[in-house]
Amino acid sequence: MLIKVIFAQEKESYPGEYAPTALEIVTEYYYDENPEWFDKKLIKYRNIPVYTHVAVINIEIKDEDLDARLFPNHTTMHGKIVK
């Protein structure tokens, strides 16, 4: 799965004053259905004077890794009765 994140850096009085901020996040599936929404958000944030840098970072996550976090698989433990 591809995740698109709009990150921004605020203007700083000194280096390291602010950490980058994730402003919007969408999956590739939502983006495919409604790219205009995300693109409008990107333009909006690029026009806010408090941000010096705005960029889209694409993050790829394996579907099976995401599923493992969302739906943990509990394995069965086997045992036998002893006297």
N, C-alpha and C. Protein backbone atom coordinates (compact mmCIF):
# COMPACT_ATOMS: atom_id res chain seq x y z
N MET A 1 0.83 -1.16 0.00
CA MET A 1 0.00 0.00 0.00
C MET A 1 0.89 1.23 0.00
N LEU A 2 0.49 2.19 -0.79
CA LEU A 2 1.21 3.46 -0.84
C LEU A 2 0.43 4.48 0.00
N ILE A 3 1.14 5.18 0.84
CA ILE A 3 0.54 6.23 1.67
C ILE A 3 1.20 7.54 1.28
N LYS A 4 0.38 8.54 1.01
CA LYS A 4 0.87 9.87 0.64
C LYS A 4 0.70 10.78 1.84
N VAL A 5 1.79 11.44 2.24
CA VAL A 5 1.77 12.32 3.41
C VAL A 5 2.24 13.71 2.99
N ILE A 6 1.46 14.73 3.35
CA ILE A 6 1.92 16.11 3.16
C ILE A 6 2.63 16.52 4.44
N PHE A 7 3.94 16.77 4.31
CA PHE A 7 4.74 17.26 5.43
C PHE A 7 5.04 18.74 5.21
N ALA A 8 5.18 19.47 6.31
CA ALA A 8 5.54 20.88 6.23
C ALA A 8 6.54 21.23 7.33
N GLN A 9 7.33 22.25 7.03
CA GLN A 9 8.27 22.80 8.01
C GLN A 9 7.87 24.24 8.28
N GLU A 10 7.64 24.55 9.55
CA GLU A 10 7.30 25.93 9.91
C GLU A 10 8.54 26.81 9.90
N LYS A 11 8.32 28.11 9.71
CA LYS A 11 9.41 29.07 9.83
C LYS A 11 9.96 28.98 11.23
N GLU A 12 11.28 29.09 11.35
CA GLU A 12 11.94 28.94 12.65
C GLU A 12 12.71 30.21 13.01
N SER A 13 12.73 30.50 14.29
CA SER A 13 13.57 31.59 14.80
C SER A 13 15.01 31.13 14.93
N TYR A 14 15.19 29.81 15.11
CA TYR A 14 16.52 29.22 15.21
C TYR A 14 16.41 27.78 14.69
N PRO A 15 17.48 27.21 14.17
CA PRO A 15 17.43 25.85 13.62
C PRO A 15 16.97 24.83 14.67
N GLY A 16 16.06 23.99 14.27
CA GLY A 16 15.58 22.94 15.15
C GLY A 16 14.45 23.36 16.08
N GLU A 17 13.93 24.59 15.91
CA GLU A 17 12.84 25.06 16.78
C GLU A 17 11.59 24.20 16.60
N TYR A 18 11.28 23.86 15.37
CA TYR A 18 10.08 23.05 15.09
C TYR A 18 10.46 21.81 14.31
N ALA A 19 9.81 20.73 14.62
CA ALA A 19 9.98 19.50 13.85
C ALA A 19 9.03 19.55 12.65
N PRO A 20 9.34 18.83 11.59
CA PRO A 20 8.39 18.75 10.48
C PRO A 20 7.05 18.19 10.97
N THR A 21 5.98 18.64 10.35
CA THR A 21 4.63 18.25 10.75
C THR A 21 3.94 17.52 9.61
N ALA A 22 3.28 16.40 9.92
CA ALA A 22 2.44 15.71 8.94
C ALA A 22 1.07 16.38 8.95
N LEU A 23 0.68 16.94 7.82
CA LEU A 23 -0.56 17.72 7.76
C LEU A 23 -1.75 16.93 7.23
N GLU A 24 -1.52 16.10 6.23
CA GLU A 24 -2.59 15.29 5.64
C GLU A 24 -2.01 13.94 5.24
N ILE A 25 -2.82 12.91 5.35
CA ILE A 25 -2.39 11.56 4.98
C ILE A 25 -3.52 10.88 4.23
N VAL A 26 -3.20 10.25 3.10
CA VAL A 26 -4.19 9.46 2.37
C VAL A 26 -3.54 8.17 1.87
N THR A 27 -4.36 7.16 1.71
CA THR A 27 -3.89 5.93 1.08
C THR A 27 -4.01 6.08 -0.43
N GLU A 28 -3.33 5.23 -1.14
CA GLU A 28 -3.40 5.27 -2.59
C GLU A 28 -4.83 5.04 -3.08
N TYR A 29 -5.60 4.28 -2.34
CA TYR A 29 -6.96 3.97 -2.75
C TYR A 29 -7.86 5.21 -2.66
N TYR A 30 -7.75 5.94 -1.57
CA TYR A 30 -8.54 7.16 -1.43
C TYR A 30 -8.06 8.19 -2.45
N TYR A 31 -6.76 8.28 -2.64
CA TYR A 31 -6.22 9.24 -3.60
C TYR A 31 -6.72 8.93 -5.01
N ASP A 32 -6.76 7.67 -5.39
CA ASP A 32 -7.25 7.29 -6.72
C ASP A 32 -8.71 7.70 -6.92
N GLU A 33 -9.50 7.62 -5.84
CA GLU A 33 -10.92 7.99 -5.93
C GLU A 33 -11.14 9.49 -5.90
N ASN A 34 -10.25 10.23 -5.23
CA ASN A 34 -10.48 11.66 -5.03
C ASN A 34 -9.16 12.44 -5.01
N PRO A 35 -8.40 12.44 -6.10
CA PRO A 35 -7.10 13.12 -6.10
C PRO A 35 -7.23 14.64 -5.95
N GLU A 36 -8.36 15.19 -6.38
CA GLU A 36 -8.56 16.64 -6.28
C GLU A 36 -8.50 17.12 -4.84
N TRP A 37 -9.07 16.33 -3.93
CA TRP A 37 -9.08 16.73 -2.51
C TRP A 37 -7.66 16.89 -2.00
N PHE A 38 -6.84 15.89 -2.25
CA PHE A 38 -5.46 15.92 -1.77
C PHE A 38 -4.67 17.04 -2.44
N ASP A 39 -4.84 17.19 -3.74
CA ASP A 39 -4.11 18.22 -4.48
C ASP A 39 -4.50 19.63 -4.02
N LYS A 40 -5.79 19.83 -3.70
CA LYS A 40 -6.23 21.13 -3.17
C LYS A 40 -5.61 21.40 -1.80
N LYS A 41 -5.52 20.36 -0.98
CA LYS A 41 -4.89 20.51 0.34
C LYS A 41 -3.41 20.90 0.18
N LEU A 42 -2.74 20.27 -0.76
CA LEU A 42 -1.33 20.57 -1.01
C LEU A 42 -1.15 22.04 -1.41
N ILE A 43 -1.96 22.51 -2.31
CA ILE A 43 -1.91 23.92 -2.74
C ILE A 43 -2.20 24.85 -1.57
N LYS A 44 -3.21 24.50 -0.78
CA LYS A 44 -3.57 25.31 0.38
C LYS A 44 -2.38 25.47 1.33
N TYR A 45 -1.74 24.35 1.68
CA TYR A 45 -0.63 24.41 2.62
C TYR A 45 0.58 25.14 2.04
N ARG A 46 0.80 25.01 0.75
CA ARG A 46 1.92 25.72 0.12
C ARG A 46 1.71 27.24 0.13
N ASN A 47 0.48 27.67 0.29
CA ASN A 47 0.18 29.10 0.30
C ASN A 47 0.01 29.67 1.71
N ILE A 48 0.26 28.87 2.73
CA ILE A 48 0.21 29.37 4.11
C ILE A 48 1.60 29.89 4.46
N PRO A 49 1.72 31.19 4.76
CA PRO A 49 3.05 31.79 4.96
C PRO A 49 3.86 31.22 6.13
N VAL A 50 3.22 30.59 7.09
CA VAL A 50 3.96 30.06 8.24
C VAL A 50 4.86 28.88 7.86
N TYR A 51 4.56 28.23 6.72
CA TYR A 51 5.36 27.08 6.29
C TYR A 51 6.41 27.53 5.29
N THR A 52 7.66 27.14 5.53
CA THR A 52 8.74 27.47 4.59
C THR A 52 8.90 26.38 3.54
N HIS A 53 8.57 25.15 3.88
CA HIS A 53 8.68 24.03 2.96
C HIS A 53 7.46 23.12 3.13
N VAL A 54 6.90 22.70 2.02
CA VAL A 54 5.80 21.74 2.02
C VAL A 54 6.11 20.71 0.94
N ALA A 55 6.00 19.42 1.29
CA ALA A 55 6.32 18.36 0.33
C ALA A 55 5.45 17.14 0.58
N VAL A 56 5.25 16.38 -0.48
CA VAL A 56 4.56 15.10 -0.39
C VAL A 56 5.61 14.01 -0.30
N ILE A 57 5.50 13.19 0.73
CA ILE A 57 6.39 12.04 0.90
C ILE A 57 5.53 10.79 0.73
N ASN A 58 5.95 9.91 -0.17
CA ASN A 58 5.24 8.65 -0.39
C ASN A 58 5.91 7.56 0.44
N ILE A 59 5.09 6.85 1.19
CA ILE A 59 5.58 5.78 2.05
C ILE A 59 4.91 4.48 1.61
N GLU A 60 5.71 3.47 1.35
CA GLU A 60 5.15 2.19 0.94
C GLU A 60 5.21 1.20 2.09
N ILE A 61 4.08 0.57 2.35
CA ILE A 61 3.97 -0.43 3.42
C ILE A 61 3.42 -1.70 2.79
N LYS A 62 4.02 -2.82 3.13
CA LYS A 62 3.52 -4.10 2.63
C LYS A 62 2.14 -4.35 3.25
N ASP A 63 1.20 -4.80 2.42
CA ASP A 63 -0.15 -5.07 2.91
C ASP A 63 -0.14 -6.08 4.05
N GLU A 64 0.70 -7.10 3.94
CA GLU A 64 0.73 -8.13 4.99
C GLU A 64 1.27 -7.56 6.31
N ASP A 65 2.19 -6.59 6.24
CA ASP A 65 2.68 -5.96 7.47
C ASP A 65 1.60 -5.12 8.13
N LEU A 66 0.84 -4.41 7.31
CA LEU A 66 -0.27 -3.62 7.84
C LEU A 66 -1.33 -4.53 8.45
N ASP A 67 -1.67 -5.60 7.74
CA ASP A 67 -2.65 -6.55 8.27
C ASP A 67 -2.20 -7.15 9.59
N ALA A 68 -0.90 -7.43 9.73
CA ALA A 68 -0.39 -8.01 10.97
C ALA A 68 -0.59 -7.06 12.15
N ARG A 69 -0.50 -5.75 11.90
CA ARG A 69 -0.73 -4.77 12.97
C ARG A 69 -2.22 -4.57 13.25
N LEU A 70 -3.02 -4.55 12.19
CA LEU A 70 -4.45 -4.33 12.37
C LEU A 70 -5.17 -5.56 12.91
N PHE A 71 -4.74 -6.73 12.47
CA PHE A 71 -5.40 -7.98 12.84
C PHE A 71 -4.37 -8.97 13.37
N PRO A 72 -3.91 -8.78 14.61
CA PRO A 72 -2.89 -9.69 15.15
C PRO A 72 -3.39 -11.14 15.12
N ASN A 73 -2.51 -12.01 14.74
CA ASN A 73 -2.83 -13.42 14.65
C ASN A 73 -2.35 -14.12 15.92
N HIS A 74 -3.29 -14.61 16.67
CA HIS A 74 -2.95 -15.33 17.90
C HIS A 74 -2.78 -16.81 17.55
N THR A 75 -1.61 -17.33 17.78
CA THR A 75 -1.35 -18.73 17.46
C THR A 75 -1.84 -19.62 18.60
N THR A 76 -2.24 -20.80 18.22
CA THR A 76 -2.73 -21.77 19.18
C THR A 76 -1.57 -22.44 19.88
N MET A 77 -1.70 -22.60 21.20
CA MET A 77 -0.69 -23.32 21.97
C MET A 77 -1.25 -24.72 22.24
N HIS A 78 -0.44 -25.70 21.98
CA HIS A 78 -0.85 -27.09 22.21
C HIS A 78 -0.19 -27.60 23.48
N GLY A 79 -0.90 -28.39 24.19
CA GLY A 79 -0.35 -29.02 25.39
C GLY A 79 -1.02 -30.36 25.63
N LYS A 80 -0.47 -31.15 26.51
CA LYS A 80 -1.11 -32.41 26.86
C LYS A 80 -1.18 -32.53 28.36
N ILE A 81 -2.16 -33.20 28.81
CA ILE A 81 -2.37 -33.39 30.25
C ILE A 81 -1.40 -34.47 30.73
N VAL A 82 -0.72 -34.15 31.84
CA VAL A 82 0.20 -35.12 32.43
C VAL A 82 -0.29 -35.43 33.85
N LYS A 83 0.09 -36.58 34.35
CA LYS A 83 -0.34 -36.98 35.69
C LYS A 83 0.40 -36.22 36.75
